[in-house]
C-alpha atoms as a PDB file:
ATOM      1  CA  MET A   1     -34.877  -5.637 -19.230  1.00  0.00           C
ATOM      2  CA  GLU A   2     -34.186  -3.335 -16.267  1.00  0.00           C
ATOM      3  CA  THR A   3     -31.355  -0.825 -16.639  1.00  0.00           C
ATOM      4  CA  LEU A   4     -29.335  -0.052 -13.480  1.00  0.00           C
ATOM      5  CA  VAL A   5     -27.758   3.500 -13.635  1.00  0.00           C
ATOM      6  CA  ALA A   6     -24.945   4.237 -11.308  1.00  0.00           C
ATOM      7  CA  ILE A   7     -24.628   7.708  -9.720  1.00  0.00           C
ATOM      8  CA  GLU A   8     -21.481   9.023  -8.775  1.00  0.00           C
ATOM      9  CA  CYS A   9     -21.500  11.365  -5.834  1.00  0.00           C
ATOM     10  CA  ARG A  10     -18.744  14.002  -5.789  1.00  0.00           C
ATOM     11  CA  PRO A  11     -18.597  16.288  -2.826  1.00  0.00           C
ATOM     12  CA  ASN A  12     -18.352  19.850  -3.926  1.00  0.00           C
ATOM     13  CA  LYS A  13     -16.381  22.729  -2.304  1.00  0.00           C
ATOM     14  CA  PHE A  14     -19.089  23.884  -0.016  1.00  0.00           C
ATOM     15  CA  VAL A  15     -19.491  20.087   1.878  1.00  0.00           C
ATOM     16  CA  HIS A  16     -15.838  20.303   2.213  1.00  0.00           C
ATOM     17  CA  ILE A  17     -16.002  23.528   4.259  1.00  0.00           C
ATOM     18  CA  LEU A  18     -19.107  22.289   6.116  1.00  0.00           C
ATOM     19  CA  MET A  19     -17.185  19.008   7.338  1.00  0.00           C
ATOM     20  CA  THR A  20     -14.153  21.184   8.347  1.00  0.00           C
ATOM     21  CA  VAL A  21     -16.270  23.648  10.481  1.00  0.00           C
ATOM     22  CA  LEU A  22     -18.057  20.665  12.177  1.00  0.00           C
ATOM     23  CA  CYS A  23     -14.659  19.309  13.062  1.00  0.00           C
ATOM     24  CA  VAL A  24     -13.432  22.280  14.702  1.00  0.00           C
ATOM     25  CA  LEU A  25     -16.634  22.858  16.780  1.00  0.00           C
ATOM     26  CA  VAL A  26     -16.466  19.329  18.096  1.00  0.00           C
ATOM     27  CA  LEU A  27     -12.600  19.359  18.989  1.00  0.00           C
ATOM     28  CA  SER A  28     -13.423  22.659  20.941  1.00  0.00           C
ATOM     29  CA  ALA A  29     -16.187  21.127  22.859  1.00  0.00           C
ATOM     30  CA  CYS A  30     -14.003  18.217  24.059  1.00  0.00           C
ATOM     31  CA  THR A  31     -11.397  20.763  25.224  1.00  0.00           C
ATOM     32  CA  PRO A  32     -11.669  21.290  28.937  1.00  0.00           C
ATOM     33  CA  ASP A  33     -12.208  24.722  30.152  1.00  0.00           C
ATOM     34  CA  GLN A  34      -8.925  25.866  32.124  1.00  0.00           C
ATOM     35  CA  SER A  35     -10.666  28.801  33.820  1.00  0.00           C
ATOM     36  CA  LEU A  36     -12.738  26.498  36.066  1.00  0.00           C
ATOM     37  CA  PRO A  37     -11.437  25.451  39.446  1.00  0.00           C
ATOM     38  CA  PRO A  38     -10.724  21.645  39.615  1.00  0.00           C
ATOM     39  CA  VAL A  39     -13.515  19.665  41.287  1.00  0.00           C
ATOM     40  CA  GLY A  40     -12.189  17.933  44.416  1.00  0.00           C
ATOM     41  CA  SER A  41     -10.306  20.777  45.728  1.00  0.00           C
ATOM     42  CA  ASP A  42     -10.614  21.857  49.179  1.00  0.00           C
ATOM     43  CA  ASN A  43     -13.110  24.429  48.651  1.00  0.00           C
ATOM     44  CA  PHE A  44     -15.544  22.039  46.714  1.00  0.00           C
ATOM     45  CA  ALA A  45     -17.385  19.039  47.846  1.00  0.00           C
ATOM     46  CA  THR A  46     -17.682  16.037  45.589  1.00  0.00           C
ATOM     47  CA  GLY A  47     -20.274  13.269  45.013  1.00  0.00           C
ATOM     48  CA  PRO A  48     -23.773  12.980  43.659  1.00  0.00           C
ATOM     49  CA  GLU A  49     -25.451  14.902  46.887  1.00  0.00           C
ATOM     50  CA  SER A  50     -23.207  17.859  46.701  1.00  0.00           C
ATOM     51  CA  LYS A  51     -22.301  18.374  42.885  1.00  0.00           C
ATOM     52  CA  ALA A  52     -19.305  20.161  43.547  1.00  0.00           C
ATOM     53  CA  LYS A  53     -20.811  22.907  45.816  1.00  0.00           C
ATOM     54  CA  THR A  54     -18.888  25.547  47.667  1.00  0.00           C
ATOM     55  CA  TYR A  55     -19.032  25.125  51.661  1.00  0.00           C
ATOM     56  CA  TYR A  56     -17.900  27.544  54.188  1.00  0.00           C
ATOM     57  CA  PRO A  57     -16.377  26.360  57.286  1.00  0.00           C
ATOM     58  CA  LEU A  58     -16.558  28.172  60.771  1.00  0.00           C
ATOM     59  CA  PRO A  59     -13.569  29.683  61.864  1.00  0.00           C
ATOM     60  CA  PRO A  60     -12.329  27.548  64.791  1.00  0.00           C
ATOM     61  CA  SER A  61      -9.548  29.870  65.650  1.00  0.00           C
ATOM     62  CA  GLU A  62     -12.082  32.635  66.605  1.00  0.00           C
ATOM     63  CA  LYS A  63     -14.441  30.220  68.864  1.00  0.00           C
ATOM     64  CA  LEU A  64     -14.788  31.770  72.301  1.00  0.00           C
ATOM     65  CA  GLU A  65     -12.695  30.011  75.166  1.00  0.00           C
ATOM     66  CA  PRO A  66     -14.540  28.402  77.770  1.00  0.00           C
ATOM     67  CA  GLU A  67     -13.863  31.076  80.245  1.00  0.00           C
ATOM     68  CA  ASP A  68     -15.300  33.572  78.002  1.00  0.00           C
ATOM     69  CA  MET A  69     -18.485  31.463  77.461  1.00  0.00           C
ATOM     70  CA  TRP A  70     -19.426  29.079  79.928  1.00  0.00           C
ATOM     71  CA  THR A  71     -19.192  31.434  83.015  1.00  0.00           C
ATOM     72  CA  LYS A  72     -21.587  33.743  81.339  1.00  0.00           C
ATOM     73  CA  VAL A  73     -24.488  31.074  82.111  1.00  0.00           C
ATOM     74  CA  THR A  74     -25.409  28.938  85.142  1.00  0.00           C
ATOM     75  CA  PRO A  75     -23.359  25.951  85.972  1.00  0.00           C
ATOM     76  CA  ILE A  76     -26.237  23.586  85.162  1.00  0.00           C
ATOM     77  CA  ALA A  77     -26.956  25.480  81.712  1.00  0.00           C
ATOM     78  CA  SER A  78     -23.175  25.362  81.025  1.00  0.00           C
ATOM     79  CA  ASP A  79     -23.121  21.552  81.275  1.00  0.00           C
ATOM     80  CA  ARG A  80     -26.198  21.039  78.948  1.00  0.00           C
ATOM     81  CA  LEU A  81     -24.634  23.237  76.419  1.00  0.00           C
ATOM     82  CA  ARG A  82     -21.624  21.283  76.456  1.00  0.00           C
ATOM     83  CA  GLU A  83     -23.461  17.889  76.212  1.00  0.00           C
ATOM     84  CA  PHE A  84     -25.453  19.267  73.237  1.00  0.00           C
ATOM     85  CA  HIS A  85     -22.385  20.541  71.333  1.00  0.00           C
ATOM     86  CA  VAL A  86     -23.631  23.961  71.134  1.00  0.00           C
ATOM     87  CA  GLY A  87     -20.850  26.353  69.526  1.00  0.00           C
ATOM     88  CA  ILE A  88     -20.818  30.069  70.109  1.00  0.00           C
ATOM     89  CA  TYR A  89     -18.555  32.262  67.857  1.00  0.00           C
ATOM     90  CA  PRO A  90     -17.881  35.873  67.558  1.00  0.00           C
ATOM     91  CA  VAL A  91     -17.991  37.080  63.775  1.00  0.00           C
ATOM     92  CA  GLY A  92     -16.924  40.402  63.625  1.00  0.00           C
ATOM     93  CA  GLU A  93     -19.789  42.472  65.650  1.00  0.00           C
ATOM     94  CA  ASP A  94     -21.894  39.557  65.568  1.00  0.00           C
ATOM     95  CA  MET A  95     -22.400  36.663  67.786  1.00  0.00           C
ATOM     96  CA  LEU A  96     -23.104  33.316  66.238  1.00  0.00           C
ATOM     97  CA  ILE A  97     -24.663  30.599  68.254  1.00  0.00           C
ATOM     98  CA  VAL A  98     -24.856  27.086  66.376  1.00  0.00           C
ATOM     99  CA  LEU A  99     -27.308  24.326  67.415  1.00  0.00           C
ATOM    100  CA  PRO A 100     -26.760  20.981  66.054  1.00  0.00           C
ATOM    101  CA  SER A 101     -30.310  19.684  64.484  1.00  0.00           C
ATOM    102  CA  GLU A 102     -29.173  16.163  65.248  1.00  0.00           C
ATOM    103  CA  PHE A 103     -29.677  16.585  68.972  1.00  0.00           C
ATOM    104  CA  PHE A 104     -32.400  19.316  68.975  1.00  0.00           C
ATOM    105  CA  PHE A 105     -34.895  17.634  66.694  1.00  0.00           C
ATOM    106  CA  TYR A 106     -36.122  14.179  66.102  1.00  0.00           C
ATOM    107  CA  PRO A 107     -34.575  12.899  62.613  1.00  0.00           C
ATOM    108  CA  ASN A 108     -35.980  14.456  59.495  1.00  0.00           C
ATOM    109  CA  SER A 109     -38.701  16.389  61.600  1.00  0.00           C
ATOM    110  CA  SER A 110     -39.152  19.894  63.014  1.00  0.00           C
ATOM    111  CA  HIS A 111     -40.375  18.212  66.360  1.00  0.00           C
ATOM    112  CA  MET A 112     -38.106  19.244  69.183  1.00  0.00           C
ATOM    113  CA  ASN A 113     -36.328  16.795  71.627  1.00  0.00           C
ATOM    114  CA  PRO A 114     -38.002  17.213  75.026  1.00  0.00           C
ATOM    115  CA  GLY A 115     -34.347  17.368  76.543  1.00  0.00           C
ATOM    116  CA  TYR A 116     -33.712  20.796  74.587  1.00  0.00           C
ATOM    117  CA  ARG A 117     -35.294  22.978  77.090  1.00  0.00           C
ATOM    118  CA  PRO A 118     -32.431  23.366  79.400  1.00  0.00           C
ATOM    119  CA  VAL A 119     -30.112  23.923  76.626  1.00  0.00           C
ATOM    120  CA  LEU A 120     -32.075  26.879  75.051  1.00  0.00           C
ATOM    121  CA  ASP A 121     -32.644  28.187  78.441  1.00  0.00           C
ATOM    122  CA  GLY A 122     -28.941  28.512  78.829  1.00  0.00           C
ATOM    123  CA  VAL A 123     -28.489  29.994  75.342  1.00  0.00           C
ATOM    124  CA  ILE A 124     -31.356  32.537  76.568  1.00  0.00           C
ATOM    125  CA  LYS A 125     -29.378  33.477  79.563  1.00  0.00           C
ATOM    126  CA  PHE A 126     -26.240  34.023  77.401  1.00  0.00           C
ATOM    127  CA  ILE A 127     -27.981  36.215  75.017  1.00  0.00           C
ATOM    128  CA  ASN A 128     -29.771  38.185  77.871  1.00  0.00           C
ATOM    129  CA  ARG A 129     -26.361  39.369  78.977  1.00  0.00           C
ATOM    130  CA  TYR A 130     -26.278  41.752  75.899  1.00  0.00           C
ATOM    131  CA  ASP A 131     -28.539  44.608  74.698  1.00  0.00           C
ATOM    132  CA  VAL A 132     -30.084  42.840  71.737  1.00  0.00           C
ATOM    133  CA  GLU A 133     -32.195  44.690  69.112  1.00  0.00           C
ATOM    134  CA  THR A 134     -32.698  41.924  66.375  1.00  0.00           C
ATOM    135  CA  ILE A 135     -32.180  38.239  66.532  1.00  0.00           C
ATOM    136  CA  LYS A 136     -32.159  35.983  63.394  1.00  0.00           C
ATOM    137  CA  VAL A 137     -32.848  32.288  63.725  1.00  0.00           C
ATOM    138  CA  ALA A 138     -31.775  30.418  60.439  1.00  0.00           C
ATOM    139  CA  GLY A 139     -32.204  26.640  59.830  1.00  0.00           C
ATOM    140  CA  TYR A 140     -30.017  24.385  57.494  1.00  0.00           C
ATOM    141  CA  THR A 141     -29.934  21.037  56.321  1.00  0.00           C
ATOM    142  CA  ASP A 142     -27.491  18.633  54.210  1.00  0.00           C
ATOM    143  CA  ALA A 143     -27.684  18.195  50.568  1.00  0.00           C
ATOM    144  CA  ALA A 144     -29.347  14.804  50.667  1.00  0.00           C
ATOM    145  CA  GLY A 145     -32.975  14.580  49.643  1.00  0.00           C
ATOM    146  CA  ASN A 146     -35.253  16.888  48.016  1.00  0.00           C
ATOM    147  CA  LYS A 147     -34.192  20.577  48.048  1.00  0.00           C
ATOM    148  CA  LEU A 148     -37.663  21.924  48.423  1.00  0.00           C
ATOM    149  CA  ARG A 149     -38.536  19.660  51.561  1.00  0.00           C
ATOM    150  CA  ASN A 150     -35.058  20.526  52.972  1.00  0.00           C
ATOM    151  CA  LYS A 151     -35.788  24.196  52.772  1.00  0.00           C
ATOM    152  CA  ALA A 152     -39.389  23.876  54.294  1.00  0.00           C
ATOM    153  CA  LEU A 153     -37.893  21.689  57.013  1.00  0.00           C
ATOM    154  CA  SER A 154     -34.989  24.024  57.839  1.00  0.00           C
ATOM    155  CA  ARG A 155     -37.698  26.879  58.000  1.00  0.00           C
ATOM    156  CA  GLN A 156     -40.071  25.053  60.232  1.00  0.00           C
ATOM    157  CA  GLN A 157     -37.055  24.142  62.577  1.00  0.00           C
ATOM    158  CA  ALA A 158     -35.861  27.616  62.762  1.00  0.00           C
ATOM    159  CA  GLN A 159     -39.322  28.734  63.550  1.00  0.00           C
ATOM    160  CA  ASN A 160     -39.627  26.318  66.437  1.00  0.00           C
ATOM    161  CA  VAL A 161     -36.433  27.626  68.021  1.00  0.00           C
ATOM    162  CA  ALA A 162     -37.446  31.169  67.553  1.00  0.00           C
ATOM    163  CA  ARG A 163     -40.874  30.677  69.119  1.00  0.00           C
ATOM    164  CA  TYR A 164     -39.364  28.984  72.246  1.00  0.00           C
ATOM    165  CA  LEU A 165     -36.969  31.859  72.422  1.00  0.00           C
ATOM    166  CA  TRP A 166     -39.444  34.365  72.217  1.00  0.00           C
ATOM    167  CA  ARG A 167     -41.780  32.747  74.648  1.00  0.00           C
ATOM    168  CA  HIS A 168     -39.203  32.246  77.451  1.00  0.00           C
ATOM    169  CA  ASN A 169     -38.208  35.856  78.546  1.00  0.00           C
ATOM    170  CA  LEU A 170     -35.741  36.493  75.794  1.00  0.00           C
ATOM    171  CA  ASN A 171     -34.712  40.118  75.986  1.00  0.00           C
ATOM    172  CA  ALA A 172     -34.823  40.993  72.333  1.00  0.00           C
ATOM    173  CA  ARG A 173     -37.027  43.370  70.492  1.00  0.00           C
ATOM    174  CA  TYR A 174     -37.375  41.477  67.388  1.00  0.00           C
ATOM    175  CA  VAL A 175     -36.779  37.576  66.617  1.00  0.00           C
ATOM    176  CA  TYR A 176     -37.334  36.334  62.989  1.00  0.00           C
ATOM    177  CA  ALA A 177     -36.785  32.953  61.479  1.00  0.00           C
ATOM    178  CA  THR A 178     -35.889  31.761  57.952  1.00  0.00           C
ATOM    179  CA  GLY A 179     -34.773  28.503  56.262  1.00  0.00           C
ATOM    180  CA  TYR A 180     -31.916  28.084  53.837  1.00  0.00           C
ATOM    181  CA  GLY A 181     -32.021  24.166  53.268  1.00  0.00           C
ATOM    182  CA  SER A 182     -28.787  23.035  52.046  1.00  0.00           C
ATOM    183  CA  GLU A 183     -27.312  26.436  51.124  1.00  0.00           C
ATOM    184  CA  TYR A 184     -24.413  27.768  52.911  1.00  0.00           C
ATOM    185  CA  PRO A 185     -22.954  24.519  54.291  1.00  0.00           C
ATOM    186  CA  ILE A 186     -20.083  24.819  56.810  1.00  0.00           C
ATOM    187  CA  ALA A 187     -18.661  21.340  55.766  1.00  0.00           C
ATOM    188  CA  ASN A 188     -18.175  18.936  53.104  1.00  0.00           C
ATOM    189  CA  ASN A 189     -21.503  16.996  52.069  1.00  0.00           C
ATOM    190  CA  VAL A 190     -19.837  13.863  50.862  1.00  0.00           C
ATOM    191  CA  THR A 191     -18.856  12.611  54.416  1.00  0.00           C
ATOM    192  CA  PRO A 192     -21.362  11.859  57.161  1.00  0.00           C
ATOM    193  CA  GLU A 193     -19.434  13.933  59.504  1.00  0.00           C
ATOM    194  CA  GLY A 194     -19.893  16.915  57.207  1.00  0.00           C
ATOM    195  CA  ARG A 195     -23.567  16.266  56.703  1.00  0.00           C
ATOM    196  CA  LEU A 196     -23.970  16.113  60.337  1.00  0.00           C
ATOM    197  CA  ALA A 197     -22.433  19.581  60.819  1.00  0.00           C
ATOM    198  CA  ASN A 198     -24.564  21.176  58.041  1.00  0.00           C
ATOM    199  CA  ARG A 199     -27.641  19.967  59.762  1.00  0.00           C
ATOM    200  CA  ARG A 200     -27.895  22.908  62.196  1.00  0.00           C
ATOM    201  CA  VAL A 201     -29.891  26.204  63.428  1.00  0.00           C
ATOM    202  CA  GLN A 202     -28.040  29.223  63.881  1.00  0.00           C
ATOM    203  CA  ILE A 203     -28.855  32.210  66.211  1.00  0.00           C
ATOM    204  CA  THR A 204     -27.205  35.350  65.122  1.00  0.00           C
ATOM    205  CA  PHE A 205     -27.344  38.688  66.774  1.00  0.00           C
ATOM    206  CA  ARG A 206     -25.246  41.930  66.993  1.00  0.00           C
ATOM    207  CA  ARG A 207     -22.919  42.015  70.057  1.00  0.00           C
ATOM    208  CA  LEU A 208     -23.355  45.190  72.051  1.00  0.00           C
ATOM    209  CA  THR A 209     -22.035  46.072  75.350  1.00  0.00           C
ATOM    210  CA  PRO A 210     -23.112  43.342  78.002  1.00  0.00           C
ATOM    211  CA  GLU A 211     -25.272  44.449  80.783  1.00  0.00           C
ATOM    212  CA  SER A 212     -23.569  45.334  83.878  1.00  0.00           C
END
């Protein structure tokens, strides 16, 4: 005949202490960190593509007035710059020219639109009014898709623009190209309009005294 033995488990003092410590750790992990900025504020984009990434909008108040920009190029080139939504911004001692990739390249490609030549010719005429030492051409994408592919695409787009500038009588001693992919967005990547603005190529150079 089998004999059943009942064993009574009584937690000792050490077990009580261990359980108390575990409870404190769990509760502290559930408490939100008040030092972090709230997701969804004006300085943060939200959504699966952007993951609360800070963006840096261009200052529209510093954009050049038409009489300061369009009169510096030929009338035909001026019309082409307007049509392709090229932006020219003074930023401190530098000049920033923003080319929207939507017009200059085929979708998701570094192959340039055949209609880009008169536009870049107008950009060259504008730059050549200054005594330029170095020009930086930087490519950017939105936050959608693969990060590595975006960076490679942005670099190829910048290289193609830089190559065109260099081959078409740009008065600069040094031109270099780089690509940042989805880094440094100028708009919120949540909206289609924001992603459109972030797909761009930027040309930057130091503003010196224009040639007389």
